[in-house]
Each structure stands twice: as C-alpha cells, then as structure tokens.
Protein backbone atom coordinates (compact mmCIF):
# COMPACT_ATOMS: atom_id res chain seq x y z
CA MET A 1 22.18 15.27 -10.24
CA LYS A 2 18.68 16.57 -9.60
CA VAL A 3 17.93 20.22 -8.91
CA LEU A 4 14.83 22.26 -8.18
CA GLU A 5 14.24 25.12 -10.60
CA ILE A 6 11.85 27.91 -9.62
CA ASN A 7 10.68 30.83 -11.74
CA GLY A 8 9.66 33.30 -9.04
CA GLY A 9 6.94 35.89 -8.74
CA LYS A 10 3.91 33.66 -9.38
CA THR A 11 0.79 34.18 -7.29
CA LEU A 12 -0.32 31.16 -5.24
CA GLU A 13 -4.07 30.46 -5.28
CA GLY A 14 -6.16 27.44 -4.38
CA THR A 15 -5.72 24.82 -1.65
CA ILE A 16 -2.75 22.91 -0.30
CA ARG A 17 -3.61 19.80 1.72
CA ILE A 18 -1.14 19.03 4.47
CA SER A 19 0.34 15.53 4.70
CA GLY A 20 0.98 13.39 7.75
CA SER A 21 3.76 14.46 10.08
CA LYS A 22 7.27 13.41 9.15
CA ASN A 23 8.44 13.60 12.75
CA SER A 24 5.57 11.41 13.95
CA SER A 25 5.84 8.88 11.14
CA VAL A 26 9.55 8.26 11.65
CA ALA A 27 8.86 7.26 15.27
CA LEU A 28 5.60 5.36 14.68
CA ILE A 29 7.07 3.08 12.00
CA PRO A 30 9.86 1.68 14.25
CA ALA A 31 7.44 1.55 17.20
CA ALA A 32 5.35 -0.99 15.28
CA ILE A 33 8.04 -3.59 16.06
CA LEU A 34 6.86 -3.64 19.68
CA ALA A 35 3.56 -5.25 18.69
CA ASP A 36 3.15 -9.01 18.37
CA SER A 37 0.67 -8.73 15.51
CA GLU A 38 -0.21 -6.56 12.51
CA VAL A 39 -0.21 -2.77 12.80
CA THR A 40 -1.84 -0.27 10.41
CA ILE A 41 -0.60 3.33 10.31
CA CYS A 42 -2.60 5.78 8.19
CA ASN A 43 -1.73 9.21 6.80
CA VAL A 44 1.95 8.30 6.37
CA PRO A 45 3.72 10.72 3.99
CA GLU A 46 5.53 9.36 0.94
CA ILE A 47 8.97 10.79 1.65
CA THR A 48 12.46 9.36 1.56
CA ASP A 49 12.67 9.13 5.38
CA THR A 50 9.70 6.75 5.57
CA ASP A 51 11.17 4.81 2.64
CA ALA A 52 14.46 4.42 4.54
CA LEU A 53 12.68 3.15 7.66
CA THR A 54 10.68 0.68 5.58
CA GLU A 55 13.97 -0.58 4.16
CA ILE A 56 15.21 -1.28 7.71
CA LEU A 57 11.95 -3.07 8.58
CA ASN A 58 12.29 -5.29 5.52
CA TYR A 59 15.94 -5.99 6.40
CA LEU A 60 14.87 -7.11 9.88
CA GLY A 61 12.31 -9.48 8.40
CA ALA A 62 9.02 -7.63 8.89
CA ASN A 63 6.24 -8.00 6.37
CA VAL A 64 5.51 -4.48 5.13
CA LYS A 65 2.78 -3.39 2.72
CA ARG A 66 2.47 0.18 1.51
CA ALA A 67 -0.74 1.49 -0.07
CA SER A 68 -1.07 5.19 -0.84
CA GLU A 69 -1.21 6.98 2.53
CA SER A 70 -1.13 3.89 4.76
CA ILE A 71 1.43 1.32 5.79
CA VAL A 72 0.65 -2.13 7.20
CA ILE A 73 3.41 -3.77 9.26
CA ASP A 74 3.44 -7.36 10.48
CA PRO A 75 6.36 -7.54 12.96
CA SER A 76 5.78 -11.16 13.99
CA THR A 77 8.63 -12.35 11.74
CA ILE A 78 11.20 -9.81 12.96
CA VAL A 79 14.74 -11.11 13.48
CA ASN A 80 17.08 -9.15 15.74
CA LYS A 81 20.30 -8.43 13.88
CA GLU A 82 22.75 -5.57 13.55
CA ILE A 83 21.48 -2.68 11.45
CA PRO A 84 24.25 -1.79 8.99
CA GLU A 85 25.71 1.70 8.80
CA GLU A 86 24.52 2.33 5.24
CA MET A 87 20.95 2.05 6.53
CA SER A 88 21.22 3.79 9.92
CA SER A 89 23.23 6.71 8.53
CA LYS A 90 20.47 7.78 6.14
CA LEU A 91 18.43 9.51 8.83
CA ARG A 92 18.42 10.58 12.45
CA ALA A 93 15.25 8.63 13.24
CA SER A 94 16.98 5.29 12.72
CA TYR A 95 17.87 5.46 16.41
CA TYR A 96 14.28 4.65 17.33
CA PHE A 97 15.18 1.11 16.29
CA MET A 98 17.65 1.07 19.19
CA SER A 99 14.77 1.49 21.62
CA VAL A 100 12.30 -0.95 20.13
CA LEU A 101 14.84 -3.73 19.57
CA LEU A 102 16.20 -3.25 23.09
CA ALA A 103 12.67 -3.35 24.52
CA LYS A 104 11.66 -6.42 22.52
CA PHE A 105 14.85 -8.50 22.56
CA GLY A 106 17.04 -7.06 25.33
CA HIS A 107 19.89 -6.57 22.85
CA VAL A 108 20.64 -4.24 19.94
CA GLU A 109 23.62 -3.48 17.73
CA MET A 110 23.65 -0.56 15.32
CA HIS A 111 25.69 2.36 14.08
CA PHE A 112 25.27 6.00 14.98
CA PRO A 113 22.21 7.56 13.31
CA GLY A 114 22.50 10.06 10.47
CA GLY A 115 20.43 13.12 9.55
CA CYS A 116 20.94 16.78 8.69
CA SER A 117 24.11 18.56 9.78
CA ILE A 118 22.58 21.37 11.83
CA GLY A 119 24.87 21.28 14.84
CA ALA A 120 25.57 18.96 17.73
CA ARG A 121 22.84 16.36 18.02
CA PRO A 122 24.16 13.96 20.68
CA ILE A 123 22.13 10.98 21.82
CA ASP A 124 23.45 11.13 25.39
CA GLN A 125 19.97 11.75 26.83
CA THR A 126 18.62 8.69 25.02
CA LEU A 127 21.50 6.60 26.38
CA LYS A 128 20.86 8.05 29.84
CA GLY A 129 17.30 6.75 29.67
CA PHE A 130 18.49 3.30 28.58
CA LYS A 131 20.98 3.10 31.45
CA ALA A 132 18.39 4.21 34.01
CA LEU A 133 16.15 1.35 32.91
CA GLY A 134 18.94 -1.20 33.37
CA ALA A 135 20.80 -1.37 30.04
CA THR A 136 24.55 -1.57 29.62
CA ILE A 137 26.09 0.25 26.65
CA SER A 138 29.33 -0.41 24.80
CA GLU A 139 30.53 2.04 22.18
CA GLU A 140 32.99 1.05 19.46
CA GLU A 141 33.81 4.16 17.42
CA ASP A 142 30.36 4.98 15.94
CA ARG A 143 28.77 1.61 16.73
CA TYR A 144 26.66 0.81 19.78
CA ILE A 145 26.11 -2.54 21.51
CA ILE A 146 23.31 -2.30 24.08
CA ASP A 147 22.19 -5.12 26.40
CA ALA A 148 19.62 -5.53 29.15
CA ASP A 149 18.94 -8.84 30.92
CA LYS A 150 15.99 -7.12 32.56
CA LEU A 151 14.49 -3.68 31.98
CA THR A 152 13.16 -2.11 35.16
CA GLY A 153 11.11 1.07 35.52
CA ALA A 154 12.98 4.09 36.86
CA HIS A 155 12.82 7.83 37.46
CA VAL A 156 14.46 9.48 34.45
CA TYR A 157 15.26 13.20 34.46
CA LEU A 158 16.23 14.57 31.05
CA ASP A 159 18.80 17.35 31.17
CA MET A 160 16.94 19.00 28.30
CA PRO A 161 13.43 18.32 26.92
CA SER A 162 14.66 16.36 23.91
CA VAL A 163 11.97 14.97 21.61
CA GLY A 164 14.12 12.01 20.57
CA ALA A 165 15.17 11.12 24.11
CA THR A 166 11.58 11.41 25.36
CA ILE A 167 10.27 9.08 22.65
CA ASN A 168 13.17 6.63 22.99
CA THR A 169 12.78 6.37 26.76
CA MET A 170 9.05 5.92 26.36
CA LEU A 171 9.53 3.15 23.78
CA VAL A 172 11.80 1.17 26.11
CA ALA A 173 9.77 1.84 29.25
CA VAL A 174 6.53 0.36 27.85
CA LYS A 175 8.10 -3.12 28.12
CA ALA A 176 10.03 -2.55 31.37
CA HIS A 177 8.98 -4.06 34.70
CA GLY A 178 7.28 -1.53 36.97
CA LYS A 179 6.73 2.21 36.60
CA THR A 180 8.86 4.76 34.78
CA ILE A 181 8.57 8.51 35.23
CA ILE A 182 10.14 10.82 32.65
CA GLU A 183 10.76 14.30 34.08
CA ASN A 184 11.48 17.37 31.93
CA ALA A 185 9.95 15.51 29.00
CA ALA A 186 9.45 17.24 25.66
CA LYS A 187 5.84 18.31 24.99
CA GLU A 188 5.67 18.20 21.19
CA PRO A 189 2.45 16.93 19.54
CA GLU A 190 4.43 14.11 17.92
CA ILE A 191 5.09 12.65 21.38
CA VAL A 192 1.35 12.58 22.07
CA ASN A 193 0.85 10.85 18.70
CA VAL A 194 3.38 8.14 19.61
CA ALA A 195 1.95 7.68 23.12
CA THR A 196 -1.56 7.30 21.69
CA PHE A 197 -0.27 4.64 19.28
CA LEU A 198 1.41 2.72 22.10
CA ASN A 199 -1.69 2.95 24.29
CA ASN A 200 -3.76 1.60 21.41
CA MET A 201 -1.39 -1.39 21.45
CA GLY A 202 -2.03 -1.91 25.14
CA ALA A 203 0.64 0.27 26.78
CA LYS A 204 -0.12 2.29 29.91
CA ILE A 205 1.13 5.84 29.37
CA THR A 206 -0.20 9.04 30.93
CA GLY A 207 0.99 12.64 30.80
CA ALA A 208 2.23 12.73 27.18
CA GLY A 209 2.25 16.37 26.11
CA THR A 210 3.28 17.54 29.60
CA SER A 211 6.70 17.71 31.26
CA GLU A 212 6.03 14.53 33.28
CA ILE A 213 5.18 11.26 31.56
CA LYS A 214 4.33 8.12 33.53
CA ILE A 215 4.60 4.64 32.03
CA THR A 216 3.63 1.36 33.63
CA GLY A 217 5.32 -1.49 31.79
CA VAL A 218 3.33 -4.30 30.21
CA GLU A 219 4.40 -7.76 29.02
CA LYS A 220 2.53 -7.81 25.73
CA LEU A 221 1.55 -5.31 23.04
CA GLU A 222 -0.90 -6.14 20.27
CA GLY A 223 -1.37 -4.78 16.78
CA CYS A 224 -3.70 -1.84 16.29
CA TYR A 225 -4.74 1.00 13.98
CA THR A 226 -3.46 4.56 14.31
CA GLU A 227 -3.34 7.77 12.29
CA VAL A 228 -0.46 10.21 11.86
CA ILE A 229 -1.24 13.80 12.83
CA PRO A 230 -0.87 16.57 10.19
CA ASP A 231 2.67 17.84 9.75
CA ARG A 232 2.97 21.13 11.65
CA ILE A 233 6.26 22.07 9.97
CA GLU A 234 4.87 21.52 6.49
CA THR A 235 1.83 23.51 7.65
CA GLY A 236 4.00 26.40 8.77
CA THR A 237 6.11 26.34 5.61
CA TYR A 238 3.09 26.67 3.32
CA ILE A 239 1.49 29.31 5.54
CA ILE A 240 4.69 31.34 5.09
CA ALA A 241 4.47 30.73 1.33
CA GLY A 242 0.96 32.17 1.40
CA ALA A 243 2.14 35.24 3.30
CA LEU A 244 4.82 35.75 0.64
CA MET A 245 2.86 35.12 -2.57
CA GLY A 246 -0.68 33.98 -1.67
CA ASN A 247 -4.03 35.22 -2.88
CA HIS A 248 -6.43 33.64 -0.40
CA LEU A 249 -4.27 30.52 -0.36
CA LYS A 250 -5.95 27.84 1.78
CA ILE A 251 -3.78 25.51 3.88
CA ASP A 252 -6.10 22.61 4.72
CA ASN A 253 -6.10 19.52 6.96
CA ILE A 254 -4.17 21.17 9.79
CA ILE A 255 -4.31 21.54 13.57
CA PRO A 256 -4.02 25.33 14.06
CA GLU A 257 -2.96 24.99 17.72
CA HIS A 258 0.18 23.19 16.56
CA VAL A 259 1.39 26.31 14.71
CA GLU A 260 -0.07 28.87 17.11
CA MET A 261 3.25 30.65 17.75
CA LEU A 262 3.84 31.12 14.02
CA ILE A 263 0.30 32.44 13.53
CA LEU A 264 0.71 34.87 16.44
CA LYS A 265 4.00 36.18 15.02
CA MET A 266 2.47 36.58 11.57
CA GLN A 267 -0.45 38.51 13.03
CA GLU A 268 2.11 40.70 14.81
CA MET A 269 3.75 41.34 11.42
CA GLY A 270 0.39 42.32 9.95
CA VAL A 271 -0.10 39.30 7.68
CA ASP A 272 -3.61 38.84 6.24
CA ILE A 273 -4.50 35.46 7.76
CA GLU A 274 -7.83 33.82 8.63
CA VAL A 275 -7.77 30.87 11.04
CA GLY A 276 -10.45 28.18 10.78
CA PRO A 277 -11.01 24.96 12.76
CA ASP A 278 -8.77 22.87 10.48
CA PHE A 279 -7.44 25.38 7.94
CA VAL A 280 -5.97 28.83 7.45
CA ILE A 281 -6.41 31.21 4.52
CA VAL A 282 -3.48 33.54 3.94
CA SER A 283 -2.64 36.29 1.46
CA LYS A 284 0.37 38.38 0.57
CA THR A 285 0.36 41.57 2.59
CA GLU A 286 2.17 44.83 1.93
CA SER A 287 3.92 46.85 4.67
CA LEU A 288 4.80 44.04 7.09
CA HIS A 289 6.16 44.99 10.52
CA PRO A 290 9.50 43.62 11.80
CA VAL A 291 9.39 41.24 14.79
CA LYS A 292 11.62 39.41 17.26
CA ILE A 293 11.52 35.60 17.25
CA LYS A 294 13.20 33.15 19.62
CA THR A 295 13.07 29.42 18.94
CA GLN A 296 12.04 27.15 21.81
CA GLY A 297 10.66 23.70 22.47
CA TYR A 298 6.92 23.25 21.95
CA PRO A 299 4.69 25.20 22.45
CA GLY A 300 7.29 27.86 21.64
CA PHE A 301 8.37 28.89 18.15
CA ALA A 302 9.59 25.74 16.37
CA THR A 303 13.26 25.58 15.42
CA ASP A 304 12.23 23.78 12.21
CA LEU A 305 10.38 26.94 11.11
CA GLN A 306 13.24 29.29 11.92
CA GLN A 307 14.92 29.02 8.52
CA PRO A 308 11.69 29.19 6.47
CA VAL A 309 10.38 32.25 8.35
CA THR A 310 13.62 34.11 7.69
CA VAL A 311 12.46 34.65 4.11
CA LEU A 312 9.31 36.39 5.34
CA LEU A 313 11.39 38.58 7.65
CA THR A 314 13.35 39.86 4.63
CA GLN A 315 10.05 41.32 3.40
CA CYS A 316 9.30 43.22 6.62
CA GLU A 317 9.97 46.97 6.67
CA GLY A 318 12.68 47.35 9.28
CA ASP A 319 15.04 45.19 11.34
CA SER A 320 13.91 41.82 12.70
CA ILE A 321 15.85 39.71 15.22
CA LEU A 322 15.80 35.91 15.14
CA GLU A 323 17.45 33.91 17.93
CA GLU A 324 18.13 30.18 17.61
CA THR A 325 18.30 28.39 20.97
CA VAL A 326 18.02 24.74 19.93
CA TYR A 327 20.74 24.10 17.30
CA GLU A 328 23.89 26.17 16.97
CA ASN A 329 24.49 25.47 13.28
CA ARG A 330 21.18 26.44 11.78
CA PHE A 331 22.08 29.56 9.81
CA LYS A 332 23.61 27.82 6.77
CA ASN A 333 20.77 29.29 4.70
CA VAL A 334 21.87 32.86 5.42
CA PRO A 335 24.78 33.14 2.94
CA TYR A 336 22.51 31.95 0.14
CA LEU A 337 19.75 34.41 1.09
CA ASN A 338 22.33 37.21 1.10
CA GLN A 339 23.52 36.00 -2.31
CA MET A 340 19.93 36.42 -3.49
CA GLY A 341 19.80 40.00 -2.21
CA ALA A 342 18.89 39.74 1.47
CA ASN A 343 20.72 41.81 4.08
CA ILE A 344 21.25 39.51 7.06
CA GLU A 345 23.94 39.67 9.75
CA VAL A 346 24.88 36.67 11.91
CA PHE A 347 25.83 37.17 15.57
CA GLU A 348 26.57 33.73 17.07
CA LYS A 349 23.08 32.40 17.87
CA LYS A 350 21.19 35.43 16.53
CA ILE A 351 20.64 36.98 13.14
CA LYS A 352 19.51 40.49 12.29
CA ILE A 353 17.42 40.75 9.14
CA HIS A 354 17.42 44.21 7.57
CA GLY A 355 14.29 44.61 5.47
CA LEU A 356 12.70 45.18 3.08
CA THR A 357 14.92 43.62 0.43
CA PRO A 358 13.85 42.29 -2.98
CA LEU A 359 15.34 38.90 -3.87
CA GLN A 360 16.92 37.79 -7.16
CA GLY A 361 17.07 34.27 -8.57
CA GLU A 362 20.45 32.56 -8.07
CA LYS A 363 22.10 29.13 -8.02
CA VAL A 364 22.01 27.99 -4.39
CA GLU A 365 22.38 24.78 -2.35
CA ALA A 366 20.11 23.11 0.20
CA THR A 367 22.53 22.39 3.05
CA ASP A 368 19.84 20.69 5.15
CA LEU A 369 16.12 19.98 5.10
CA ARG A 370 14.76 23.24 6.52
CA ALA A 371 17.45 25.39 4.86
CA GLY A 372 16.23 23.87 1.61
CA ALA A 373 12.65 24.78 2.45
CA CYS A 374 13.83 28.32 3.14
CA LEU A 375 15.43 28.53 -0.31
CA VAL A 376 12.29 27.19 -1.98
CA LEU A 377 10.32 30.02 -0.34
CA ALA A 378 12.99 32.52 -1.41
CA GLY A 379 12.75 31.22 -4.96
CA LEU A 380 8.98 31.73 -4.98
CA ILE A 381 9.36 35.49 -4.45
CA ALA A 382 12.64 36.05 -6.27
CA ASP A 383 12.85 37.85 -9.59
CA GLY A 384 14.03 35.32 -12.19
CA ILE A 385 15.17 31.72 -11.94
CA THR A 386 16.39 30.09 -8.72
CA THR A 387 18.16 26.74 -9.02
CA ILE A 388 18.54 24.70 -5.83
CA SER A 389 21.05 21.84 -5.81
CA ASN A 390 21.40 19.05 -3.24
CA ILE A 391 17.61 18.84 -2.98
CA GLY A 392 17.66 15.36 -1.42
CA PRO A 393 17.25 16.74 2.13
CA VAL A 394 14.19 18.76 1.03
CA LEU A 395 12.48 15.69 -0.41
CA ARG A 396 13.13 13.93 2.92
CA GLY A 397 10.60 16.13 4.67
CA TYR A 398 8.03 17.46 2.17
CA GLU A 399 5.69 15.05 0.43
CA HIS A 400 4.98 15.91 -3.23
CA LEU A 401 6.52 19.37 -2.80
CA VAL A 402 6.68 20.16 -6.52
CA GLU A 403 3.16 18.90 -7.23
CA LYS A 404 1.59 20.78 -4.32
CA LEU A 405 3.18 24.09 -5.27
CA THR A 406 2.53 23.61 -8.99
CA ASP A 407 -1.15 22.96 -8.29
CA VAL A 408 -1.54 26.40 -6.68
CA GLY A 409 0.29 28.32 -9.39
CA ALA A 410 4.02 28.12 -8.67
CA SER A 411 6.46 27.60 -11.53
CA ILE A 412 8.65 24.88 -10.02
CA SER A 413 10.14 21.73 -11.48
CA LEU A 414 12.55 18.94 -10.65
CA LYS A 415 15.28 18.65 -13.28
CA GLU A 416 18.22 16.41 -14.03
CA VAL A 417 21.46 18.28 -14.75
C-alpha cells in the first residue's frame, strides 16, 4: 500500500506551474470519438483518470498516442461494444462515453460510472437529455442499454445546472437532427472548453458558459487540435497552500477569473495575495479574519475547493461558517482535521470552524479526491509527520503532486508500507 508522508512546517517558495484541467480532460478525451479523423489534445495532465479513459479508448479500438502533455487520438477504427464494469467503475467521467457512442452509433451498453463517494450523484439529468433527443433507455441493475434510431433536436430543461448533464446533452445534440436548446445549463469553464473543441471539429454550438446553450446538429465532425484550459481546482489548492505556508509562492499558468471567488474570500480573510494576468503570488499571513463561505455552481465558490479551504479556515482567528450546497456527503475530511487538532462542528450541510487551532501530524485517510487534498494541506502546516493512506483518489486529480510541492520546499514523499 502506498501512503503520502509529510513533514510539516516547511516554507514554500518558488513557482508552481498549473497543469491542464482534470475536469476538462475527462470530457475532451471521450469527445474525440465523435470525430471521423485524428484529434490532438494538448495540455492533458498525466493523472490516473486520463489513464483510465485512454484504457477505454484502446479497448474500443482507437489508436491512441501519448507524448508528454499531449494525446493524439485516431477514432476512425472505433468499434462499438459494451464497456465492462471494471473500466467504467474507475471514474465518474466514464459516462461521457455513453453520450459519444450514442451520438455516433445510436446504441450504447455500459455499466454505471464510478468516482468518489461524496454523496448522491445520480445521472437522471443526463438520461433526461438522452430521452428528450429521442433515445430509449433500459436499466438492468447497474447496467444501461440505450438506443436511438434517430436523434432529434429538442428543448431540454435541466432541473439543476449539472456540469455532467450539460456536457452529455451537448455531446449527443451535436449529431442530432435539428436544433437543441439546453436551459438551466451549467456555466463552468470546462463546458466552454468542451464546446470550443466540438466547434473546432465542425459543430455549431453557441451560448456555452451561459444558462442557455443552443446546438444545431451536423452530420459530420472532423479531427482538429485543441488545448485543455488550466485546472482551476489545482490552482485554488496551491493558492491555499501559499496562504498557509508560502513566502511569495507563485502559482503560474492560471486563469485568475476562474478562481475569482476564492481570491475574493482570501482577500476578505486578509491573505497577502497579488493577482497578475496569468499568475498569483501568495504568502503566509498572520491574523487572518474568519469568513462565511457557501458553495455554488460557477461562478460561485467551487464545491471542489470547499474541503481544501477548510484547512485555511482553521488558521483564522474566530469562527468561520462553511455551507455545502452541492453534495451532502462532503465533510468526510472533518473527523481527520479534528484528529489533527482542529475544532470543527458539523451541522447537516454546514460546518463551523473555530479558529485559530494549531495542527499536529497524524495518521489519516483520504476518503475522496478533495478530502485528500485537504489533508495534504493540513499536513503542510502540521507539527510533525502526517501520513495519508488511500492516496489513490488524490493522484486521480493532481498531476505530479509530490514533485510540485517538493520543488517549492515541502517535505513530502510517496512511500510503500
């Protein structure tokens, strides 16, 4: 078993370069199937999620070449066959293959997608989009069989602005006959990244990044070149690290607007942070003020940064309130933070963080991706050694985590125990 071991209290200095977005990459890679010729995607992070999607592409018969930060996919040899459970269960994003195979072949069979256990994550809104466009869906336990003799554009209203449902509906609609309108669409930057990719292929999509997306279906999509946007959650995580232990730590290759809510909250706390056109410079600050944070869909405060920012709130002088509105099971990090010396109370969908509390190194467990990131941040400021087990979920979302932190002065290593 592998664990992360962190010797806390080390100052972080230098520059961390942000990788391509995990949440964009995991949609762009399946979307490549829609093209009839070779696709090149640049700035793809080397993480286990992209490895798992590449495995599915290879299983379906695509020709995939990986070189450093880019991936070249030739989907012309794709064969439509059932994606086995051992592949689909590795990550939530496997369900994007439902959309692209349905759009390309009119038929798809696969098992329910996997991913972190952070609460109910139904795919009912995705299935609603499929049905609106003319698909019929059969469910056998955790296996789906989806058919469509003809996909026809429709007016789709999402009951909630789900990122996955927005992308999935968009992926199917680009090959449907006529016009599709997605109302109450999610606005996240990753959706714009996917829409740009599809438009580069020859799709006709407008309104991505707003609550109404319009798609006019096309018969053919060609290969193209696209680039993954910087990862805004990785950006936010390392900005928080800088606020905890930084000495003019530079977070480079970012889009500051994508983490604007985090920056605004950190300025409200009194964090020493300088914002540039594609970077921030952040330092540890004494006497931080408590704040109230409520997670929301973009451009609100990202749910994926809720767990990481909790560590910073333990270092504020006074009581902070953090409300989670997206996932109901996203406080699994709290018992471990309390074990390390934090004073946090859970009230259903809210937590109250009583600060300032020093943290001590302990043996803890990463229950999910962002809870793991939270514990890494806690380990960076803790007195003594923090050992984090079940680190697989963390490596799913952060490219070269150990190397990036080591390069700026952290004492962190991956060990076999």
